[in-house]
Amino acid sequence: MSADRHVIKIAIAASILIGSSLPVQARAEEPATTAARNSAIPSNRNGRVIAADAGIGFVNGIAKFASAGYHISPDWLIEAYYEKSDTFFFGTSTARAIRSKNFWTPTLYTNVGVLHRQTSGRNDFLDVLTSTFTGKETHYDIAYWDIGPGFSIGNQWQWSAFHVGCDWVGVYWPVYASSAKIIKNEDGIITKKTADDDLKPEASARLLRLYFGFSI
């Protein structure tokens, strides 16, 4: 009987030890799970979920742009992007993109995405050139769109919920361009044309794009 009592006491003590160890294990695993969600790069972006910014830069002319994104992690942001610029040749250009922004240091990042651009308006260069050679007042209105990948590299600095940054250099490389719809007005005589071969997709630089924003 005494031996049975000892066995019972040992079993009770073992169950108490096992039961008390379970919360400790759960608490021990929780920091590891939290650490997995946190950034591998120390930065003030930890804990941020949504980010938005707006800025100004140079893309075939002065461009204004805005973006809003979601942090997959502090070092990885998926963002929607919108841009409007006045070009030297074709009036107004608007662009929309989906981009992946990846931080490689606390401030250095690369931005890769797919961009769709629409361009339309009066081509002042062709207007002047044609009018000069023909002696007739001529105006050209042109509209087309293109699509392709874009890449940029820059730095972003974060202070609490606010950040400033700059895309130092980037490139947009359209892989497909639509036919250009051209309206020619020569001394009041209007001619419409769809030009399949007048436009070729060409890479364009995107320089010094300064922006300011916040994240929560």
Protein backbone atom coordinates (compact mmCIF):
# COMPACT_ATOMS: atom_id res chain seq x y z
CA MET A 1 0.00 0.00 0.00
CA SER A 2 2.87 2.35 0.84
CA ALA A 3 4.44 1.69 -2.55
CA ASP A 4 1.14 2.51 -4.26
CA ARG A 5 0.94 5.81 -2.43
CA HIS A 6 4.45 6.69 -3.60
CA VAL A 7 3.52 5.89 -7.21
CA ILE A 8 0.40 8.06 -6.96
CA LYS A 9 2.40 10.95 -5.50
CA ILE A 10 5.00 10.67 -8.26
CA ALA A 11 2.29 10.63 -10.95
CA ILE A 12 0.59 13.70 -9.46
CA ALA A 13 3.90 15.56 -9.24
CA ALA A 14 4.75 14.68 -12.85
CA SER A 15 1.35 15.89 -14.11
CA ILE A 16 1.77 19.17 -12.23
CA LEU A 17 5.24 19.69 -13.73
CA ILE A 18 4.04 18.88 -17.26
CA GLY A 19 0.98 21.11 -16.92
CA SER A 20 2.99 24.04 -15.58
CA SER A 21 5.57 23.69 -18.36
CA LEU A 22 3.04 24.07 -21.20
CA PRO A 23 2.34 27.80 -20.74
CA VAL A 24 6.07 28.37 -20.41
CA GLN A 25 6.63 26.62 -23.75
CA ALA A 26 3.87 28.65 -25.38
CA ARG A 27 5.36 31.84 -24.00
CA ALA A 28 8.81 30.77 -25.17
CA GLU A 29 7.57 30.11 -28.73
CA GLU A 30 5.68 33.40 -28.99
CA PRO A 31 8.77 35.67 -29.22
CA ALA A 32 10.18 33.44 -31.97
CA THR A 33 6.95 33.82 -33.96
CA THR A 34 6.98 37.59 -33.42
CA ALA A 35 10.62 37.78 -34.44
CA ALA A 36 9.80 35.94 -37.67
CA ARG A 37 7.32 38.70 -38.54
CA ASN A 38 9.76 41.46 -37.70
CA SER A 39 12.32 42.95 -40.04
CA ALA A 40 15.70 41.35 -40.48
CA ILE A 41 16.96 44.93 -40.90
CA PRO A 42 16.66 47.27 -37.89
CA SER A 43 14.53 50.25 -38.91
CA ASN A 44 11.66 52.49 -37.85
CA ARG A 45 9.42 50.63 -40.31
CA ASN A 46 8.80 47.82 -37.83
CA GLY A 47 5.11 47.60 -37.03
CA ARG A 48 4.03 49.71 -40.03
CA VAL A 49 1.22 48.28 -42.16
CA ILE A 50 0.00 50.97 -44.58
CA ALA A 51 2.20 53.59 -46.30
CA ALA A 52 1.37 56.50 -48.62
CA ASP A 53 3.41 59.29 -50.19
CA ALA A 54 3.44 61.97 -52.89
CA GLY A 55 6.22 63.77 -54.71
CA ILE A 56 7.68 65.39 -57.78
CA GLY A 57 10.36 64.30 -60.25
CA PHE A 58 11.56 64.22 -63.84
CA VAL A 59 10.15 61.92 -66.57
CA ASN A 60 10.39 63.45 -70.06
CA GLY A 61 9.33 66.61 -68.23
CA ILE A 62 8.16 67.49 -64.72
CA ALA A 63 6.06 64.72 -63.15
CA LYS A 64 3.82 64.64 -60.07
CA PHE A 65 3.11 61.26 -58.50
CA ALA A 66 1.50 59.48 -55.55
CA SER A 67 1.53 55.94 -54.21
CA ALA A 68 -0.13 53.84 -51.51
CA GLY A 69 1.05 50.45 -50.34
CA TYR A 70 0.79 47.55 -47.91
CA HIS A 71 3.74 46.21 -45.89
CA ILE A 72 4.12 42.45 -46.36
CA SER A 73 7.03 42.91 -43.94
CA PRO A 74 8.99 45.98 -42.80
CA ASP A 75 11.43 45.32 -45.67
CA TRP A 76 8.85 44.59 -48.39
CA LEU A 77 6.07 46.87 -49.61
CA ILE A 78 3.54 46.23 -52.41
CA GLU A 79 2.24 49.54 -53.73
CA ALA A 80 -0.12 51.06 -56.29
CA TYR A 81 1.32 54.05 -58.12
CA TYR A 82 -0.10 56.98 -60.16
CA GLU A 83 1.82 59.63 -62.12
CA LYS A 84 0.99 62.63 -64.31
CA SER A 85 3.53 64.61 -66.31
CA ASP A 86 3.76 67.25 -69.01
CA THR A 87 6.02 65.94 -71.76
CA PHE A 88 8.19 67.95 -74.14
CA PHE A 89 6.52 66.47 -77.24
CA PHE A 90 3.09 64.95 -76.61
CA GLY A 91 1.25 67.10 -74.09
CA THR A 92 0.18 65.04 -71.08
CA SER A 93 1.24 61.58 -69.96
CA THR A 94 -0.42 59.57 -67.17
CA ALA A 95 0.89 56.30 -65.79
CA ARG A 96 -0.32 53.62 -63.39
CA ALA A 97 1.77 50.83 -61.92
CA ILE A 98 1.91 47.99 -59.42
CA ARG A 99 5.33 47.85 -57.77
CA SER A 100 7.35 45.82 -55.29
CA LYS A 101 9.56 47.94 -53.01
CA ASN A 102 12.33 45.99 -51.27
CA PHE A 103 14.69 47.42 -48.63
CA TRP A 104 18.23 46.00 -48.56
CA THR A 105 19.55 48.25 -45.76
CA PRO A 106 17.68 50.49 -43.28
CA THR A 107 17.38 53.13 -46.06
CA LEU A 108 18.43 51.66 -49.44
CA TYR A 109 15.71 50.11 -51.62
CA THR A 110 14.93 48.92 -55.12
CA ASN A 111 11.53 49.29 -56.76
CA VAL A 112 10.39 46.92 -59.52
CA GLY A 113 7.00 46.86 -61.21
CA VAL A 114 4.82 46.90 -64.31
CA LEU A 115 3.74 50.30 -65.64
CA HIS A 116 0.96 51.26 -68.06
CA ARG A 117 1.32 54.73 -69.60
CA GLN A 118 -1.13 56.78 -71.68
CA THR A 119 0.08 59.80 -73.64
CA SER A 120 -2.02 62.34 -75.51
CA GLY A 121 -1.98 65.96 -76.58
CA ARG A 122 -0.49 68.39 -79.04
CA ASN A 123 2.98 67.80 -80.43
CA ASP A 124 4.46 71.30 -80.44
CA PHE A 125 7.72 70.09 -81.99
CA LEU A 126 5.98 68.69 -85.10
CA ASP A 127 3.71 71.75 -85.25
CA VAL A 128 6.64 74.16 -85.51
CA LEU A 129 8.70 71.91 -87.81
CA THR A 130 5.88 71.29 -90.28
CA SER A 131 4.63 74.88 -90.26
CA THR A 132 8.15 76.16 -90.92
CA PHE A 133 8.76 73.89 -93.95
CA THR A 134 5.28 74.04 -95.51
CA GLY A 135 4.37 77.64 -94.72
CA LYS A 136 0.97 76.41 -93.50
CA GLU A 137 -0.21 76.57 -89.89
CA THR A 138 -0.22 72.96 -88.81
CA HIS A 139 -1.14 71.20 -85.57
CA TYR A 140 -0.74 67.55 -84.62
CA ASP A 141 -2.70 65.83 -81.83
CA ILE A 142 -1.38 62.39 -80.96
CA ALA A 143 -2.63 59.67 -78.57
CA TYR A 144 -1.15 56.26 -77.74
CA TRP A 145 -0.37 53.97 -74.80
CA ASP A 146 2.42 51.57 -73.85
CA ILE A 147 3.23 49.03 -71.15
CA GLY A 148 6.36 47.48 -69.69
CA PRO A 149 8.59 46.96 -66.65
CA GLY A 150 10.10 49.74 -64.58
CA PHE A 151 13.03 49.74 -62.15
CA SER A 152 14.45 52.33 -59.76
CA ILE A 153 16.88 52.57 -56.87
CA GLY A 154 16.69 55.06 -54.02
CA ASN A 155 16.86 55.85 -50.32
CA GLN A 156 14.10 56.41 -47.77
CA TRP A 157 14.48 57.77 -44.25
CA GLN A 158 11.85 57.03 -41.59
CA TRP A 159 11.07 59.15 -38.51
CA SER A 160 8.25 57.73 -36.41
CA ALA A 161 5.20 57.67 -38.74
CA PHE A 162 6.75 59.97 -41.36
CA HIS A 163 9.28 59.38 -44.12
CA VAL A 164 11.07 61.18 -46.93
CA GLY A 165 12.83 59.58 -49.87
CA CYS A 166 14.20 59.86 -53.37
CA ASP A 167 14.37 57.58 -56.40
CA TRP A 168 17.85 58.60 -57.53
CA VAL A 169 17.74 56.88 -60.89
CA GLY A 170 15.36 54.57 -62.71
CA VAL A 171 14.31 53.31 -66.10
CA TYR A 172 11.01 52.47 -67.79
CA TRP A 173 11.24 50.04 -70.70
CA PRO A 174 7.97 49.59 -72.63
CA VAL A 175 7.75 46.24 -74.37
CA TYR A 176 4.58 47.09 -76.29
CA ALA A 177 3.17 50.33 -77.72
CA SER A 178 -0.24 50.79 -79.28
CA SER A 179 -0.85 52.35 -82.66
CA ALA A 180 -0.71 56.13 -82.53
CA LYS A 181 -3.91 57.99 -83.34
CA ILE A 182 -2.89 61.18 -85.12
CA ILE A 183 -5.11 64.15 -85.98
CA LYS A 184 -3.48 66.63 -88.34
CA ASN A 185 -4.97 70.12 -88.73
CA GLU A 186 -3.38 71.99 -91.65
CA ASP A 187 -4.96 75.39 -92.29
CA GLY A 188 -8.31 74.03 -91.10
CA ILE A 189 -8.11 70.81 -93.11
CA ILE A 190 -8.29 67.87 -90.71
CA THR A 191 -6.72 64.51 -91.50
CA LYS A 192 -6.99 61.48 -89.20
CA LYS A 193 -4.50 58.64 -89.28
CA THR A 194 -3.71 55.50 -87.32
CA ALA A 195 0.03 54.97 -87.41
CA ASP A 196 1.08 51.39 -86.76
CA ASP A 197 4.79 51.89 -87.32
CA ASP A 198 5.39 55.50 -86.30
CA LEU A 199 6.08 54.66 -82.63
CA LYS A 200 8.64 52.18 -81.36
CA PRO A 201 8.92 51.21 -77.68
CA GLU A 202 12.01 52.90 -76.27
CA ALA A 203 13.48 53.03 -72.77
CA SER A 204 13.25 56.30 -70.86
CA ALA A 205 15.12 57.52 -67.77
CA ARG A 206 13.38 58.51 -64.54
CA LEU A 207 15.55 60.80 -62.44
CA LEU A 208 15.56 62.50 -59.00
CA ARG A 209 12.04 61.72 -57.82
CA LEU A 210 11.63 63.31 -54.38
CA TYR A 211 8.71 62.35 -52.15
CA PHE A 212 7.28 62.76 -48.65
CA GLY A 213 4.82 60.47 -46.88
CA PHE A 214 3.62 58.63 -43.79
CA SER A 215 2.99 55.10 -42.61
CA ILE A 216 0.80 53.62 -39.88
